[in-house]
Amino acid sequence: MNREEQEQRRKYWEANKRILVALLSIWFLVSYGFGIIGADWLNQFQLPGTQFPLGFWFAQQGSIYVFVVLIVAYVYLMDRLDRRFDVDEQ
């Protein structure tokens, strides 16, 4: 493996780590921050159109929905990254 390939792999991995850190930070904030730490404060608000307190909703359903959205975002971002570094499967 030549020097240029090694540099491209390093750049690819660094970009991959940035994506992972960003998405995992969002997941942590939503599941732990909103669902546990901030649940009492969020409970003063209701989920629009329902009678559910917002903190309860984040603890029970919201973090799951956000996790699914993060999976879709990861697939999209990694597909774009793969095409940028010409390592896509197409």
C-alpha atoms as a PDB file:
ATOM      1  CA  MET A   1       0.000   0.000   0.000  1.00  0.00           C
ATOM      2  CA  ASN A   2       1.489   3.321  -1.021  1.00  0.00           C
ATOM      3  CA  ARG A   3       1.554   6.556   0.944  1.00  0.00           C
ATOM      4  CA  GLU A   4      -1.395   8.107  -0.922  1.00  0.00           C
ATOM      5  CA  GLU A   5      -3.658   5.113  -0.203  1.00  0.00           C
ATOM      6  CA  GLN A   6      -2.728   5.245   3.463  1.00  0.00           C
ATOM      7  CA  GLU A   7      -3.573   8.940   3.598  1.00  0.00           C
ATOM      8  CA  GLN A   8      -6.930   8.329   1.895  1.00  0.00           C
ATOM      9  CA  ARG A   9      -7.749   5.561   4.385  1.00  0.00           C
ATOM     10  CA  ARG A  10      -6.829   7.817   7.286  1.00  0.00           C
ATOM     11  CA  LYS A  11      -9.044  10.631   5.945  1.00  0.00           C
ATOM     12  CA  TYR A  12     -11.897   8.181   5.374  1.00  0.00           C
ATOM     13  CA  TRP A  13     -11.636   6.833   8.910  1.00  0.00           C
ATOM     14  CA  GLU A  14     -11.460  10.344  10.407  1.00  0.00           C
ATOM     15  CA  ALA A  15     -14.624  11.350   8.517  1.00  0.00           C
ATOM     16  CA  ASN A  16     -16.300   8.128   9.640  1.00  0.00           C
ATOM     17  CA  LYS A  17     -15.399   8.847  13.277  1.00  0.00           C
ATOM     18  CA  ARG A  18     -16.814  12.390  13.032  1.00  0.00           C
ATOM     19  CA  ILE A  19     -20.117  11.000  11.758  1.00  0.00           C
ATOM     20  CA  LEU A  20     -20.222   8.390  14.530  1.00  0.00           C
ATOM     21  CA  VAL A  21     -19.413  10.885  17.281  1.00  0.00           C
ATOM     22  CA  ALA A  22     -22.065  13.321  16.050  1.00  0.00           C
ATOM     23  CA  LEU A  23     -24.802  10.704  15.774  1.00  0.00           C
ATOM     24  CA  LEU A  24     -23.937   9.016  19.073  1.00  0.00           C
ATOM     25  CA  SER A  25     -23.925  12.414  20.792  1.00  0.00           C
ATOM     26  CA  ILE A  26     -27.429  13.089  19.501  1.00  0.00           C
ATOM     27  CA  TRP A  27     -28.543   9.639  20.661  1.00  0.00           C
ATOM     28  CA  PHE A  28     -27.033  10.222  24.109  1.00  0.00           C
ATOM     29  CA  LEU A  29     -28.655  13.634  24.426  1.00  0.00           C
ATOM     30  CA  VAL A  30     -32.092  12.357  23.454  1.00  0.00           C
ATOM     31  CA  SER A  31     -32.109   9.050  25.326  1.00  0.00           C
ATOM     32  CA  TYR A  32     -30.186   9.962  28.467  1.00  0.00           C
ATOM     33  CA  GLY A  33     -30.568  13.733  28.554  1.00  0.00           C
ATOM     34  CA  PHE A  34     -34.216  14.096  27.562  1.00  0.00           C
ATOM     35  CA  GLY A  35     -35.428  10.679  28.703  1.00  0.00           C
ATOM     36  CA  ILE A  36     -33.781  10.566  32.150  1.00  0.00           C
ATOM     37  CA  ILE A  37     -32.056  13.746  33.299  1.00  0.00           C
ATOM     38  CA  GLY A  38     -34.450  16.291  31.819  1.00  0.00           C
ATOM     39  CA  ALA A  39     -37.612  14.197  32.010  1.00  0.00           C
ATOM     40  CA  ASP A  40     -38.993  15.960  35.084  1.00  0.00           C
ATOM     41  CA  TRP A  41     -38.525  19.371  33.513  1.00  0.00           C
ATOM     42  CA  LEU A  42     -39.929  18.206  30.141  1.00  0.00           C
ATOM     43  CA  ASN A  43     -42.997  16.757  31.873  1.00  0.00           C
ATOM     44  CA  GLN A  44     -44.370  20.271  32.320  1.00  0.00           C
ATOM     45  CA  PHE A  45     -45.003  20.218  28.547  1.00  0.00           C
ATOM     46  CA  GLN A  46     -47.318  17.884  26.649  1.00  0.00           C
ATOM     47  CA  LEU A  47     -46.704  16.179  23.351  1.00  0.00           C
ATOM     48  CA  PRO A  48     -48.795  18.194  20.869  1.00  0.00           C
ATOM     49  CA  GLY A  49     -52.112  16.515  20.116  1.00  0.00           C
ATOM     50  CA  THR A  50     -51.904  14.143  23.081  1.00  0.00           C
ATOM     51  CA  GLN A  51     -52.156  14.174  26.862  1.00  0.00           C
ATOM     52  CA  PHE A  52     -48.691  12.620  27.322  1.00  0.00           C
ATOM     53  CA  PRO A  53     -46.040  14.578  29.242  1.00  0.00           C
ATOM     54  CA  LEU A  54     -43.079  15.251  26.953  1.00  0.00           C
ATOM     55  CA  GLY A  55     -40.467  13.760  29.310  1.00  0.00           C
ATOM     56  CA  PHE A  56     -42.467  10.538  29.592  1.00  0.00           C
ATOM     57  CA  TRP A  57     -42.803  10.388  25.808  1.00  0.00           C
ATOM     58  CA  PHE A  58     -39.041  10.797  25.291  1.00  0.00           C
ATOM     59  CA  ALA A  59     -38.321   8.107  27.861  1.00  0.00           C
ATOM     60  CA  GLN A  60     -40.807   5.636  26.357  1.00  0.00           C
ATOM     61  CA  GLN A  61     -41.047   6.324  22.619  1.00  0.00           C
ATOM     62  CA  GLY A  62     -39.131   9.397  21.528  1.00  0.00           C
ATOM     63  CA  SER A  63     -35.662   7.989  22.013  1.00  0.00           C
ATOM     64  CA  ILE A  64     -36.615   4.924  19.962  1.00  0.00           C
ATOM     65  CA  TYR A  65     -37.937   7.068  17.099  1.00  0.00           C
ATOM     66  CA  VAL A  66     -34.830   9.236  17.172  1.00  0.00           C
ATOM     67  CA  PHE A  67     -32.642   6.110  17.151  1.00  0.00           C
ATOM     68  CA  VAL A  68     -34.382   4.846  13.997  1.00  0.00           C
ATOM     69  CA  VAL A  69     -33.937   8.250  12.342  1.00  0.00           C
ATOM     70  CA  LEU A  70     -30.259   8.186  13.308  1.00  0.00           C
ATOM     71  CA  ILE A  71     -29.858   4.792  11.634  1.00  0.00           C
ATOM     72  CA  VAL A  72     -31.331   6.187   8.419  1.00  0.00           C
ATOM     73  CA  ALA A  73     -29.079   9.249   8.700  1.00  0.00           C
ATOM     74  CA  TYR A  74     -26.029   7.014   9.237  1.00  0.00           C
ATOM     75  CA  VAL A  75     -26.828   4.976   6.137  1.00  0.00           C
ATOM     76  CA  TYR A  76     -27.265   8.146   4.075  1.00  0.00           C
ATOM     77  CA  LEU A  77     -24.105   9.818   5.401  1.00  0.00           C
ATOM     78  CA  MET A  78     -21.953   6.714   5.007  1.00  0.00           C
ATOM     79  CA  ASP A  79     -23.220   6.139   1.474  1.00  0.00           C
ATOM     80  CA  ARG A  80     -22.265   9.714   0.633  1.00  0.00           C
ATOM     81  CA  LEU A  81     -18.866   9.286   2.317  1.00  0.00           C
ATOM     82  CA  ASP A  82     -18.232   6.021   0.461  1.00  0.00           C
ATOM     83  CA  ARG A  83     -18.945   7.712  -2.875  1.00  0.00           C
ATOM     84  CA  ARG A  84     -16.695  10.632  -1.958  1.00  0.00           C
ATOM     85  CA  PHE A  85     -13.773   8.291  -1.246  1.00  0.00           C
ATOM     86  CA  ASP A  86     -14.675   5.932  -4.110  1.00  0.00           C
ATOM     87  CA  VAL A  87     -15.207   2.901  -1.876  1.00  0.00           C
ATOM     88  CA  ASP A  88     -18.902   2.454  -2.627  1.00  0.00           C
ATOM     89  CA  GLU A  89     -20.326  -0.906  -3.612  1.00  0.00           C
ATOM     90  CA  GLN A  90     -21.838   0.275  -6.892  1.00  0.00           C
END
